[in-house]
Amino acid sequence: MNNIQLVILMAGKATRLYPLTLGFPKCLLSVRQKPSIYNMIVPLINKGLNDITLVVSNENKDVIEMFMNNSFKHKDVTFHYIVQDIPDGPGGALKLVAPKIHKPTLLLLGDTLCEVPNDFSNSWIGTCKVNPKTVSSWCMIEHDENNKIIDCIDKPEHKVNTIEAAIGIYFFKDAKLLKKVLTKKIKKIKNEYQLSSIFDNYRQKEDMYIHNFEHWEDIGTLENYRQTNSQNFNCRYFNKLKINRLGTINKKSSFEKISSEINWFEKVKDTPFECLAPRVFKTNKVSSYEMEYYDYLTLSEYNTFYPINDDNKQYIFSELIKMLYPIYEKNKQDINIYNLARSIYYDKTIYRINKWTRKDLIDKDYIKVNNVELVGLKKCLQLLTPSIEKICETSVNYNSIIHGDLSFANILYSPRNSIFRLLDPRGNFGEDSIYGDYRYDLAKLRHCYHGRYDEITNDLFEIIESDEISLTFYKDNNYELFDEILKIYKVDINDIELIEGLLFISMIPLHIDYPSRQLAFFIRGLTCLNSQINRRNLNENN
């Protein structure tokens, strides 16, 4: 897509979303656990699009620019910012872009969410079918039997011969024509310049067609934003989440782990962890449960997308560990969990990696990554077996109530009062139980800030596989400040990193729907294991 440019109109005041947008642009409101506009631009950037023009307002320019610079600092993508001083409508906003038009142009409204089609053979307007009673709220598009557009009627007050409405995504194939059209004068409709006038002028020289979208969403009003958020969660293919009107969230899953989650919620009652978990109201025991919903962002979203300075990141993480560590220390169980630890740290890793289809990578003795030669996985596990065995033997010293899946995506955070709530517990450490080795929880945290798990699951990386593998991330990351906090509590970072590496390897088959992420997990896991070979002074030639 490097032969296409993207233009996004996001200068509106978003008054229909007040109070959410008082001081915060709607394009950055959370949808699918990320700022909404990222749902649109990240897939396009990862397909090669590298030229983006954002029409912004004076009020939101700085914060939007901070988000983009934070997320795409090391990606070859250029952002242009054009300020719309006079709020004279979307047509007026697009006219400001005329000097920047030099390629076929994909145009988005900042509150539109959909999957961008790969069809750029003709100019088109994205449409959907709407209720005939609501046509006065839309720009209605009339077309012939070949889907060629014959008329655009903006918010008609009379009956029209179509139920196709423009939805906020458009493509102009002829850049020179679009540039010329944008310099022409157009009349205001209801005191604003409308895109329909630009469509009409463009169609005089080149045909436009409808591209019908079966599924799309917008977040332009409080009602639409609520509906969008209640049905959209960034979860794995085997989970389904939905918020109901009573403020609870229903989770359904085809993954066997859900029964362990339910068991954990029931058994942590009257323990310190009970206060950190949402209340569970209904359970199916096998495939679903309903729990209290908290309208907080996750640590994943804050750490991955928000331009938070290191001091504040350190403060948030320090508060989390201060909250967790006394629970770990005061709730130790004097039982031998050696066999359970071995099943988690070693047996599960072997079982999971054997389910991955990339035997060509698993069996390699050495793999070159980012110009560094790494010891291959099988040899790593062979060299590190004594160290893994020692972790299992010492697990009794760290046996406590644990969460078991303490990733940033499962930690809700309210910065107003530094409140944390923990979601989606594992509920199984070799067997269904609320107990386990709390170093496992800490390794889950480290695989987010050091292993960059959330950047991988949000596709903020590039991986290229040839004779060697290149893995690069789009943003900066300072993980050392988090490690320093863990060291305060006398945790051996080497043990945590070794468990982190095993975690990355074992999660590969759970992401079969994203092969590039699987490869990135493999590389991050291999990097951790090689680090431990070097730190533990193990002989690669053994």
Protein backbone atom coordinates (compact mmCIF):
# COMPACT_ATOMS: atom_id res chain seq x y z
CA MET A 1 0.00 0.00 0.00
CA ASN A 2 2.98 2.35 -0.30
CA ASN A 3 1.39 3.74 -3.49
CA ILE A 4 -1.62 5.03 -1.51
CA GLN A 5 -1.87 7.89 0.96
CA LEU A 6 -4.24 8.04 3.89
CA VAL A 7 -6.14 11.14 5.00
CA ILE A 8 -8.05 11.14 8.30
CA LEU A 9 -10.40 13.94 9.31
CA MET A 10 -10.33 14.37 13.10
CA ALA A 11 -10.68 18.11 13.78
CA GLY A 12 -14.26 18.06 15.05
CA LYS A 13 -15.06 19.11 18.62
CA ALA A 14 -17.04 15.87 19.17
CA THR A 15 -19.70 17.64 21.23
CA ARG A 16 -22.05 14.65 20.78
CA LEU A 17 -19.60 12.65 22.92
CA TYR A 18 -19.41 15.09 25.83
CA PRO A 19 -18.31 14.61 28.59
CA LEU A 20 -15.91 11.94 27.23
CA THR A 21 -14.29 14.35 24.78
CA LEU A 22 -13.95 17.39 27.01
CA GLY A 23 -10.19 17.81 26.63
CA PHE A 24 -9.62 14.48 24.86
CA PRO A 25 -10.09 13.73 21.12
CA LYS A 26 -12.60 11.07 20.17
CA CYS A 27 -10.13 9.34 17.83
CA LEU A 28 -8.19 8.30 20.95
CA LEU A 29 -11.13 6.97 22.94
CA SER A 30 -10.65 3.31 23.78
CA VAL A 31 -12.12 0.66 21.47
CA ARG A 32 -10.92 -2.97 21.60
CA GLN A 33 -8.47 -2.00 24.35
CA LYS A 34 -6.61 0.52 22.21
CA PRO A 35 -7.15 4.13 21.05
CA SER A 36 -9.91 3.81 18.46
CA ILE A 37 -8.01 5.20 15.47
CA TYR A 38 -5.28 2.58 15.96
CA ASN A 39 -7.79 -0.08 14.92
CA MET A 40 -7.72 1.53 11.48
CA ILE A 41 -4.17 2.73 10.96
CA VAL A 42 -2.08 -0.14 12.39
CA PRO A 43 -3.33 -2.78 9.88
CA LEU A 44 -2.77 -0.30 7.03
CA ILE A 45 0.74 0.58 8.19
CA ASN A 46 1.57 -3.11 8.48
CA LYS A 47 0.44 -3.56 4.87
CA GLY A 48 2.98 -0.95 3.74
CA LEU A 49 1.09 2.36 3.92
CA ASN A 50 3.57 5.03 5.01
CA ASP A 51 2.01 8.41 4.15
CA ILE A 52 -0.67 9.70 6.55
CA THR A 53 -2.20 13.17 6.74
CA LEU A 54 -4.25 14.04 9.82
CA VAL A 55 -6.58 17.05 9.82
CA VAL A 56 -6.72 18.12 13.44
CA SER A 57 -7.80 21.06 15.57
CA ASN A 58 -5.60 23.42 17.55
CA GLU A 59 -6.98 21.82 20.71
CA ASN A 60 -6.18 18.20 19.88
CA LYS A 61 -3.08 18.47 17.67
CA ASP A 62 -0.48 18.13 20.44
CA VAL A 63 -1.99 15.09 22.12
CA ILE A 64 -2.60 13.27 18.82
CA GLU A 65 0.95 14.01 17.70
CA MET A 66 2.32 12.71 21.04
CA PHE A 67 0.44 9.43 20.63
CA MET A 68 1.66 8.92 17.06
CA ASN A 69 5.28 9.81 17.85
CA ASN A 70 5.22 7.46 20.84
CA SER A 71 3.83 4.50 18.90
CA PHE A 72 5.59 4.75 15.54
CA LYS A 73 8.96 6.31 16.36
CA HIS A 74 10.94 3.54 14.67
CA LYS A 75 8.57 2.80 11.80
CA ASP A 76 9.09 4.32 8.36
CA VAL A 77 5.81 6.23 8.25
CA THR A 78 5.35 9.98 7.77
CA PHE A 79 2.60 11.86 9.57
CA HIS A 80 1.51 15.27 8.28
CA TYR A 81 -0.66 17.48 10.51
CA ILE A 82 -3.01 20.10 9.09
CA VAL A 83 -4.90 22.32 11.50
CA GLN A 84 -8.51 23.20 10.67
CA ASP A 85 -8.94 26.59 12.38
CA ILE A 86 -12.49 27.20 11.18
CA PRO A 87 -14.99 24.40 11.95
CA ASP A 88 -16.69 24.56 8.55
CA GLY A 89 -17.44 20.87 8.06
CA PRO A 90 -15.74 17.76 6.65
CA GLY A 91 -15.67 19.21 3.14
CA GLY A 92 -13.78 22.24 4.45
CA ALA A 93 -11.35 19.94 6.26
CA LEU A 94 -10.64 17.91 3.12
CA LYS A 95 -10.11 21.04 1.02
CA LEU A 96 -7.22 21.98 3.35
CA VAL A 97 -5.44 18.79 2.30
CA ALA A 98 -5.21 19.74 -1.39
CA PRO A 99 -1.49 20.73 -1.27
CA LYS A 100 -0.62 17.32 0.22
CA ILE A 101 -2.47 15.18 -2.35
CA HIS A 102 0.03 13.33 -4.58
CA LYS A 103 -1.16 9.70 -4.55
CA PRO A 104 -4.42 7.80 -4.82
CA THR A 105 -6.14 8.73 -1.57
CA LEU A 106 -7.98 6.72 1.05
CA LEU A 107 -10.12 9.05 3.16
CA LEU A 108 -11.40 8.21 6.64
CA LEU A 109 -13.57 10.03 9.12
CA GLY A 110 -11.97 9.76 12.55
CA ASP A 111 -14.97 8.06 14.15
CA THR A 112 -15.39 5.27 11.56
CA LEU A 113 -14.29 1.70 12.30
CA CYS A 114 -14.30 -1.04 9.67
CA GLU A 115 -12.05 -3.44 7.81
CA VAL A 116 -10.45 -1.63 4.89
CA PRO A 117 -10.98 -3.56 1.62
CA ASN A 118 -8.14 -4.39 -0.75
CA ASP A 119 -10.05 -3.14 -3.81
CA PHE A 120 -8.42 0.00 -5.17
CA SER A 121 -9.16 -0.60 -8.85
CA ASN A 122 -11.86 2.12 -8.93
CA SER A 123 -12.84 5.18 -6.95
CA TRP A 124 -15.53 4.31 -4.42
CA ILE A 125 -17.64 5.44 -1.49
CA GLY A 126 -18.10 3.09 1.44
CA THR A 127 -21.80 2.49 2.08
CA CYS A 128 -24.15 0.45 4.19
CA LYS A 129 -27.89 -0.19 4.12
CA VAL A 130 -29.86 1.89 6.63
CA ASN A 131 -33.43 2.07 7.88
CA PRO A 132 -35.48 4.13 5.37
CA LYS A 133 -36.91 6.11 8.29
CA THR A 134 -33.42 7.44 9.13
CA VAL A 135 -32.29 8.71 5.70
CA SER A 136 -32.48 12.35 6.81
CA SER A 137 -29.47 11.68 9.06
CA TRP A 138 -27.23 10.36 6.28
CA CYS A 139 -25.60 11.21 2.99
CA MET A 140 -27.63 8.86 0.79
CA ILE A 141 -26.04 7.32 -2.30
CA GLU A 142 -28.04 6.36 -5.40
CA HIS A 143 -26.43 3.91 -7.82
CA ASP A 144 -27.24 1.89 -10.94
CA GLU A 145 -27.28 -1.87 -11.42
CA ASN A 146 -23.48 -1.87 -11.85
CA ASN A 147 -23.01 -0.06 -8.51
CA LYS A 148 -21.93 3.13 -10.27
CA ILE A 149 -22.98 6.16 -8.26
CA ILE A 150 -25.51 8.41 -9.96
CA ASP A 151 -26.36 10.81 -7.12
CA CYS A 152 -25.31 11.85 -3.60
CA ILE A 153 -28.09 13.40 -1.50
CA ASP A 154 -26.91 14.87 1.76
CA LYS A 155 -29.40 14.45 4.62
CA PRO A 156 -32.45 14.45 2.34
CA GLU A 157 -35.74 15.80 3.63
CA HIS A 158 -37.67 13.98 0.89
CA LYS A 159 -38.07 10.38 -0.19
CA VAL A 160 -35.04 8.91 -2.00
CA ASN A 161 -34.68 5.82 -4.18
CA THR A 162 -31.95 4.20 -2.10
CA ILE A 163 -31.19 2.85 1.33
CA GLU A 164 -27.40 3.00 0.80
CA ALA A 165 -25.72 5.59 3.04
CA ALA A 166 -22.11 6.82 3.05
CA ILE A 167 -20.33 5.59 6.20
CA GLY A 168 -17.08 7.53 6.48
CA ILE A 169 -14.57 5.69 4.27
CA TYR A 170 -13.84 6.71 0.68
CA PHE A 171 -11.24 6.09 -2.03
CA PHE A 172 -10.16 8.49 -4.81
CA LYS A 173 -8.04 6.74 -7.43
CA ASP A 174 -7.14 9.84 -9.46
CA ALA A 175 -4.91 12.02 -7.26
CA LYS A 176 -4.57 14.82 -9.83
CA LEU A 177 -8.32 15.04 -10.27
CA LEU A 178 -8.95 15.05 -6.52
CA LYS A 179 -6.35 17.78 -6.02
CA LYS A 180 -8.03 19.88 -8.72
CA VAL A 181 -11.53 19.26 -7.31
CA LEU A 182 -10.42 20.35 -3.84
CA THR A 183 -9.38 23.77 -5.15
CA LYS A 184 -12.84 24.47 -6.57
CA LYS A 185 -15.36 26.54 -4.66
CA ILE A 186 -18.34 24.64 -3.25
CA LYS A 187 -21.52 25.83 -1.57
CA LYS A 188 -22.26 25.29 2.08
CA ILE A 189 -25.08 22.94 3.02
CA LYS A 190 -26.61 23.73 6.40
CA ASN A 191 -23.73 26.14 7.16
CA GLU A 192 -20.99 23.58 6.44
CA TYR A 193 -19.00 22.33 3.48
CA GLN A 194 -20.04 18.73 2.90
CA LEU A 195 -18.15 15.85 1.30
CA SER A 196 -21.14 15.22 -1.00
CA SER A 197 -20.26 18.40 -2.94
CA ILE A 198 -16.72 17.12 -3.47
CA PHE A 199 -18.06 13.72 -4.56
CA ASP A 200 -20.32 15.44 -7.13
CA ASN A 201 -17.47 17.46 -8.63
CA TYR A 202 -15.17 14.42 -8.71
CA ARG A 203 -17.82 12.26 -10.41
CA GLN A 204 -18.10 14.74 -13.28
CA LYS A 205 -14.69 13.53 -14.48
CA GLU A 206 -14.38 10.00 -13.08
CA ASP A 207 -16.95 7.40 -12.12
CA MET A 208 -17.31 6.42 -8.48
CA TYR A 209 -18.85 3.18 -7.23
CA ILE A 210 -20.34 2.02 -3.99
CA HIS A 211 -18.42 -0.42 -1.83
CA ASN A 212 -20.93 -1.98 0.51
CA PHE A 213 -19.86 -2.80 4.07
CA GLU A 214 -21.82 -5.48 5.87
CA HIS A 215 -20.17 -4.63 9.17
CA TRP A 216 -18.89 -1.29 10.36
CA GLU A 217 -19.10 0.90 13.47
CA ASP A 218 -18.79 4.52 14.42
CA ILE A 219 -18.23 6.18 17.77
CA GLY A 220 -19.71 9.57 16.91
CA THR A 221 -22.32 9.63 19.71
CA LEU A 222 -22.50 8.36 23.27
CA GLU A 223 -25.06 5.76 22.20
CA ASN A 224 -22.91 4.49 19.32
CA TYR A 225 -19.78 4.48 21.45
CA ARG A 226 -21.51 2.42 24.14
CA GLN A 227 -22.83 -0.06 21.57
CA THR A 228 -19.39 -0.39 19.99
CA ASN A 229 -17.63 -0.90 23.31
CA SER A 230 -20.16 -3.42 24.59
CA GLN A 231 -19.43 -5.79 21.70
CA ASN A 232 -15.76 -5.27 20.93
CA PHE A 233 -12.96 -6.70 23.00
CA ASN A 234 -9.41 -7.51 22.03
CA CYS A 235 -9.49 -11.19 22.98
CA ARG A 236 -8.30 -14.45 21.50
CA TYR A 237 -10.34 -16.37 18.95
CA PHE A 238 -11.61 -18.88 21.52
CA ASN A 239 -13.11 -16.20 23.84
CA LYS A 240 -16.22 -14.01 23.53
CA LEU A 241 -16.93 -11.03 25.79
CA LYS A 242 -19.99 -8.83 26.00
CA ILE A 243 -21.14 -6.11 28.39
CA ASN A 244 -24.81 -6.06 29.33
CA ARG A 245 -26.91 -3.11 30.44
CA LEU A 246 -26.62 -4.01 34.14
CA GLY A 247 -22.90 -3.30 34.18
CA THR A 248 -21.69 -6.87 34.12
CA ILE A 249 -19.59 -8.61 31.52
CA ASN A 250 -20.25 -12.08 30.17
CA LYS A 251 -17.32 -14.24 29.17
CA LYS A 252 -17.77 -17.35 27.05
CA SER A 253 -14.92 -19.58 26.00
CA SER A 254 -14.23 -22.81 24.15
CA PHE A 255 -10.86 -23.08 25.93
CA GLU A 256 -10.70 -25.54 28.80
CA LYS A 257 -9.01 -22.95 31.03
CA ILE A 258 -12.30 -21.18 31.78
CA SER A 259 -13.39 -23.79 34.35
CA SER A 260 -10.12 -23.16 36.19
CA GLU A 261 -10.85 -19.42 36.16
CA ILE A 262 -14.27 -19.99 37.71
CA ASN A 263 -12.70 -22.25 40.34
CA TRP A 264 -10.17 -19.52 41.20
CA PHE A 265 -12.86 -16.86 41.70
CA GLU A 266 -14.73 -19.17 44.05
CA LYS A 267 -11.70 -20.17 46.11
CA VAL A 268 -10.17 -16.68 46.62
CA LYS A 269 -13.20 -15.61 48.66
CA ASP A 270 -12.08 -14.47 52.13
CA THR A 271 -8.47 -14.12 50.91
CA PRO A 272 -6.62 -10.85 50.13
CA PHE A 273 -7.03 -11.53 46.40
CA GLU A 274 -10.81 -11.29 46.71
CA CYS A 275 -10.62 -7.48 46.96
CA LEU A 276 -8.54 -7.29 43.78
CA ALA A 277 -10.88 -9.34 41.60
CA PRO A 278 -14.28 -8.37 40.16
CA ARG A 279 -17.27 -10.08 41.72
CA VAL A 280 -18.59 -13.10 39.84
CA PHE A 281 -22.38 -13.46 39.72
CA LYS A 282 -23.26 -16.36 37.45
CA THR A 283 -21.26 -19.34 36.30
CA ASN A 284 -21.86 -22.15 33.86
CA LYS A 285 -18.94 -24.08 35.42
CA VAL A 286 -17.92 -25.29 31.97
CA SER A 287 -18.03 -22.52 29.39
CA SER A 288 -19.06 -19.10 30.79
CA TYR A 289 -19.37 -16.75 33.71
CA GLU A 290 -20.69 -13.25 34.39
CA MET A 291 -18.75 -10.75 36.44
CA GLU A 292 -18.69 -7.15 37.57
CA TYR A 293 -17.44 -4.72 34.92
CA TYR A 294 -14.96 -1.93 35.67
CA ASP A 295 -14.69 0.90 33.18
CA TYR A 296 -10.92 1.21 33.58
CA LEU A 297 -8.23 0.92 30.93
CA THR A 298 -5.74 -1.92 31.20
CA LEU A 299 -2.05 -1.53 31.98
CA SER A 300 -1.50 -2.93 28.48
CA GLU A 301 -3.24 0.05 26.92
CA TYR A 302 -1.43 2.60 29.07
CA ASN A 303 1.99 1.01 28.56
CA THR A 304 1.58 0.28 24.84
CA PHE A 305 -0.11 3.42 23.51
CA TYR A 306 -0.05 6.28 26.00
CA PRO A 307 2.96 8.64 25.97
CA ILE A 308 3.58 8.24 29.72
CA ASN A 309 6.97 9.32 31.02
CA ASP A 310 9.30 6.87 32.76
CA ASP A 311 8.73 8.36 36.22
CA ASN A 312 5.00 7.72 36.03
CA LYS A 313 5.47 4.25 34.55
CA GLN A 314 7.81 3.45 37.41
CA TYR A 315 5.31 4.78 39.94
CA ILE A 316 2.44 2.69 38.51
CA PHE A 317 4.50 -0.48 38.45
CA SER A 318 5.87 0.17 41.93
CA GLU A 319 2.34 0.58 43.29
CA LEU A 320 1.31 -2.71 41.68
CA ILE A 321 4.21 -4.63 43.24
CA LYS A 322 3.67 -2.95 46.63
CA MET A 323 0.10 -4.23 46.53
CA LEU A 324 0.96 -7.77 45.40
CA TYR A 325 4.10 -8.60 47.33
CA PRO A 326 2.59 -8.62 50.87
CA ILE A 327 -0.09 -10.99 49.58
CA TYR A 328 2.57 -13.32 48.21
CA GLU A 329 4.64 -13.15 51.40
CA LYS A 330 1.79 -13.59 53.89
CA ASN A 331 -0.06 -16.36 52.06
CA LYS A 332 2.63 -18.96 51.57
CA GLN A 333 1.60 -22.59 51.83
CA ASP A 334 4.04 -25.06 53.34
CA ILE A 335 3.54 -27.76 50.74
CA ASN A 336 5.85 -29.28 48.16
CA ILE A 337 4.87 -28.13 44.69
CA TYR A 338 7.91 -29.51 42.87
CA ASN A 339 5.91 -31.82 40.58
CA LEU A 340 3.40 -29.07 39.76
CA ALA A 341 6.18 -26.59 38.98
CA ARG A 342 7.88 -29.10 36.71
CA SER A 343 4.65 -29.72 34.81
CA ILE A 344 4.29 -25.94 34.24
CA TYR A 345 7.89 -24.94 33.55
CA TYR A 346 9.10 -27.94 31.60
CA ASP A 347 6.39 -30.42 30.58
CA LYS A 348 3.96 -27.74 29.34
CA THR A 349 6.69 -26.04 27.32
CA ILE A 350 7.63 -29.29 25.56
CA TYR A 351 3.97 -30.18 24.94
CA ARG A 352 3.10 -26.75 23.55
CA ILE A 353 6.14 -26.37 21.30
CA ASN A 354 5.44 -29.78 19.76
CA LYS A 355 2.06 -28.40 18.63
CA TRP A 356 3.74 -25.67 16.54
CA THR A 357 4.08 -26.50 12.86
CA ARG A 358 7.44 -24.70 12.41
CA LYS A 359 9.66 -27.74 12.99
CA ASP A 360 12.22 -26.14 10.67
CA LEU A 361 12.83 -23.47 13.33
CA ILE A 362 12.43 -25.69 16.39
CA ASP A 363 15.11 -28.13 15.18
CA LYS A 364 17.75 -25.56 14.18
CA ASP A 365 20.98 -25.60 16.21
CA TYR A 366 21.53 -21.88 15.68
CA ILE A 367 19.33 -19.04 14.46
CA LYS A 368 20.57 -15.61 13.43
CA VAL A 369 18.35 -12.80 14.74
CA ASN A 370 19.07 -9.11 14.20
CA ASN A 371 22.67 -9.97 13.21
CA VAL A 372 23.22 -12.00 16.40
CA GLU A 373 23.61 -15.78 16.34
CA LEU A 374 21.38 -17.42 18.95
CA VAL A 375 21.51 -20.98 20.22
CA GLY A 376 18.52 -22.94 18.87
CA LEU A 377 15.58 -23.92 21.04
CA LYS A 378 16.32 -27.62 21.58
CA LYS A 379 19.92 -26.91 22.54
CA CYS A 380 18.77 -24.08 24.84
CA LEU A 381 16.42 -26.40 26.70
CA GLN A 382 19.15 -29.02 26.97
CA LEU A 383 21.65 -26.52 28.43
CA LEU A 384 19.09 -24.94 30.74
CA THR A 385 17.52 -28.15 32.08
CA PRO A 386 19.57 -28.04 35.33
CA SER A 387 18.53 -24.40 35.88
CA ILE A 388 14.87 -25.24 35.22
CA GLU A 389 15.20 -28.15 37.65
CA LYS A 390 16.59 -25.81 40.31
CA ILE A 391 13.65 -23.42 39.83
CA CYS A 392 11.27 -26.34 40.34
CA GLU A 393 13.14 -27.46 43.48
CA THR A 394 12.99 -23.96 45.00
CA SER A 395 9.36 -23.34 44.08
CA VAL A 396 8.31 -24.40 47.57
CA ASN A 397 9.92 -21.19 48.86
CA TYR A 398 7.65 -19.10 46.61
CA ASN A 399 4.42 -21.04 47.04
CA SER A 400 1.56 -18.60 47.56
CA ILE A 401 -1.81 -17.51 46.30
CA ILE A 402 -1.19 -16.40 42.73
CA HIS A 403 -3.18 -14.97 39.86
CA GLY A 404 -1.50 -17.14 37.26
CA ASP A 405 -2.06 -14.96 34.19
CA LEU A 406 -0.82 -11.61 35.44
CA SER A 407 -0.21 -9.93 32.10
CA PHE A 408 -0.77 -6.20 31.63
CA ALA A 409 -3.88 -6.94 29.56
CA ASN A 410 -5.47 -8.58 32.62
CA ILE A 411 -4.76 -5.68 34.98
CA LEU A 412 -7.25 -2.82 35.06
CA TYR A 413 -5.90 0.46 36.41
CA SER A 414 -7.48 3.70 37.58
CA PRO A 415 -4.82 6.45 37.69
CA ARG A 416 -7.13 8.74 39.66
CA ASN A 417 -6.69 6.68 42.83
CA SER A 418 -4.12 4.08 41.73
CA ILE A 419 -6.67 1.27 42.00
CA PHE A 420 -5.95 -2.10 40.38
CA ARG A 421 -8.36 -4.88 39.48
CA LEU A 422 -7.23 -8.28 38.18
CA LEU A 423 -9.04 -10.16 35.41
CA ASP A 424 -8.87 -13.64 33.82
CA PRO A 425 -6.91 -15.65 36.42
CA ARG A 426 -5.28 -18.87 35.33
CA GLY A 427 -6.59 -20.83 38.29
CA ASN A 428 -4.25 -23.71 37.53
CA PHE A 429 -0.63 -24.30 38.42
CA GLY A 430 -0.27 -27.90 37.36
CA GLU A 431 -3.68 -28.55 38.91
CA ASP A 432 -6.77 -26.44 39.62
CA SER A 433 -5.75 -24.36 42.61
CA ILE A 434 -5.31 -20.76 43.75
CA TYR A 435 -1.73 -21.58 44.80
CA GLY A 436 1.48 -21.72 42.82
CA ASP A 437 4.96 -20.25 42.44
CA TYR A 438 4.53 -16.47 42.56
CA ARG A 439 7.63 -16.07 40.38
CA TYR A 440 5.27 -17.21 37.62
CA ASP A 441 3.16 -14.07 38.17
CA LEU A 442 6.27 -11.88 38.12
CA ALA A 443 7.46 -13.54 34.91
CA LYS A 444 4.07 -12.79 33.33
CA LEU A 445 4.60 -9.12 34.19
CA ARG A 446 8.13 -9.16 32.83
CA HIS A 447 7.07 -10.74 29.54
CA CYS A 448 4.95 -7.60 29.05
CA TYR A 449 7.48 -4.89 29.88
CA HIS A 450 10.69 -6.68 28.86
CA GLY A 451 9.38 -9.21 26.35
CA ARG A 452 7.04 -6.58 24.80
CA TYR A 453 4.17 -9.04 24.64
CA ASP A 454 1.49 -6.33 24.26
CA GLU A 455 3.32 -4.63 21.41
CA ILE A 456 3.37 -7.98 19.63
CA THR A 457 -0.34 -8.69 20.20
CA ASN A 458 -1.15 -5.17 18.96
CA ASP A 459 1.03 -5.66 15.84
CA LEU A 460 3.38 -2.79 16.66
CA PHE A 461 6.35 -4.66 15.27
CA GLU A 462 7.86 -5.84 12.01
CA ILE A 463 9.36 -9.27 11.48
CA ILE A 464 11.16 -10.38 8.32
CA GLU A 465 12.24 -13.98 7.80
CA SER A 466 14.91 -14.91 5.25
CA ASP A 467 18.35 -16.44 5.86
CA GLU A 468 18.14 -14.68 9.19
CA ILE A 469 15.27 -13.13 11.12
CA SER A 470 14.84 -9.41 11.73
CA LEU A 471 12.51 -8.28 14.52
CA THR A 472 12.00 -4.56 15.16
CA PHE A 473 9.52 -2.69 17.34
CA TYR A 474 7.92 0.61 16.41
CA LYS A 475 8.46 2.36 19.75
CA ASP A 476 11.06 2.82 22.47
CA ASN A 477 11.01 0.71 25.62
CA ASN A 478 12.85 1.11 28.94
CA TYR A 479 12.40 -2.14 30.82
CA GLU A 480 15.29 -1.69 33.24
CA LEU A 481 13.33 0.64 35.50
CA PHE A 482 10.82 -2.18 36.15
CA ASP A 483 13.58 -4.70 36.85
CA GLU A 484 15.01 -2.35 39.46
CA ILE A 485 11.69 -2.42 41.32
CA LEU A 486 11.61 -6.22 41.39
CA LYS A 487 15.16 -6.31 42.73
CA ILE A 488 14.03 -4.29 45.77
CA TYR A 489 12.01 -7.33 46.78
CA LYS A 490 15.04 -9.64 46.49
CA VAL A 491 13.75 -11.48 43.45
CA ASP A 492 16.32 -13.18 41.24
CA ILE A 493 15.80 -11.57 37.83
CA ASN A 494 17.63 -14.48 36.22
CA ASP A 495 14.99 -16.92 37.44
CA ILE A 496 12.24 -14.56 36.30
CA GLU A 497 13.79 -14.19 32.84
CA LEU A 498 14.17 -17.94 32.44
CA ILE A 499 10.49 -18.45 33.28
CA GLU A 500 9.65 -15.56 30.92
CA GLY A 501 11.44 -17.32 28.07
CA LEU A 502 9.54 -20.54 28.74
CA LEU A 503 6.27 -18.57 28.81
CA PHE A 504 6.89 -17.11 25.37
CA ILE A 505 7.67 -20.53 23.92
CA SER A 506 4.63 -22.18 25.50
CA MET A 507 2.15 -19.55 24.28
CA ILE A 508 3.05 -19.94 20.59
CA PRO A 509 0.33 -22.51 19.66
CA LEU A 510 -2.37 -20.39 21.36
CA HIS A 511 -1.94 -17.77 18.61
CA ILE A 512 -2.42 -19.95 15.52
CA ASP A 513 -4.51 -17.21 13.92
CA TYR A 514 -1.45 -14.88 13.78
CA PRO A 515 1.68 -16.64 12.39
CA SER A 516 3.76 -13.43 12.52
CA ARG A 517 3.02 -13.08 16.23
CA GLN A 518 3.95 -16.72 16.78
CA LEU A 519 7.31 -16.08 15.15
CA ALA A 520 7.83 -12.97 17.29
CA PHE A 521 7.01 -14.96 20.47
CA PHE A 522 9.53 -17.59 19.39
CA ILE A 523 12.25 -14.97 18.93
CA ARG A 524 11.49 -13.23 22.24
CA GLY A 525 11.50 -16.55 24.07
CA LEU A 526 14.72 -17.65 22.38
CA THR A 527 16.34 -14.32 23.27
CA CYS A 528 15.47 -14.78 26.97
CA LEU A 529 16.80 -18.34 26.99
CA ASN A 530 20.05 -17.29 25.29
CA SER A 531 20.44 -14.49 27.81
CA GLN A 532 20.20 -17.07 30.58
CA ILE A 533 22.75 -19.35 28.91
CA ASN A 534 25.17 -16.42 28.89
CA ARG A 535 24.34 -15.20 32.41
CA ARG A 536 24.62 -18.67 33.92
CA ASN A 537 27.93 -19.27 32.07
CA LEU A 538 26.69 -22.46 30.45
CA ASN A 539 28.88 -24.11 27.83
CA GLU A 540 27.17 -24.17 24.42
CA ASN A 541 29.49 -26.95 23.29
CA ASN A 542 28.33 -29.46 25.90
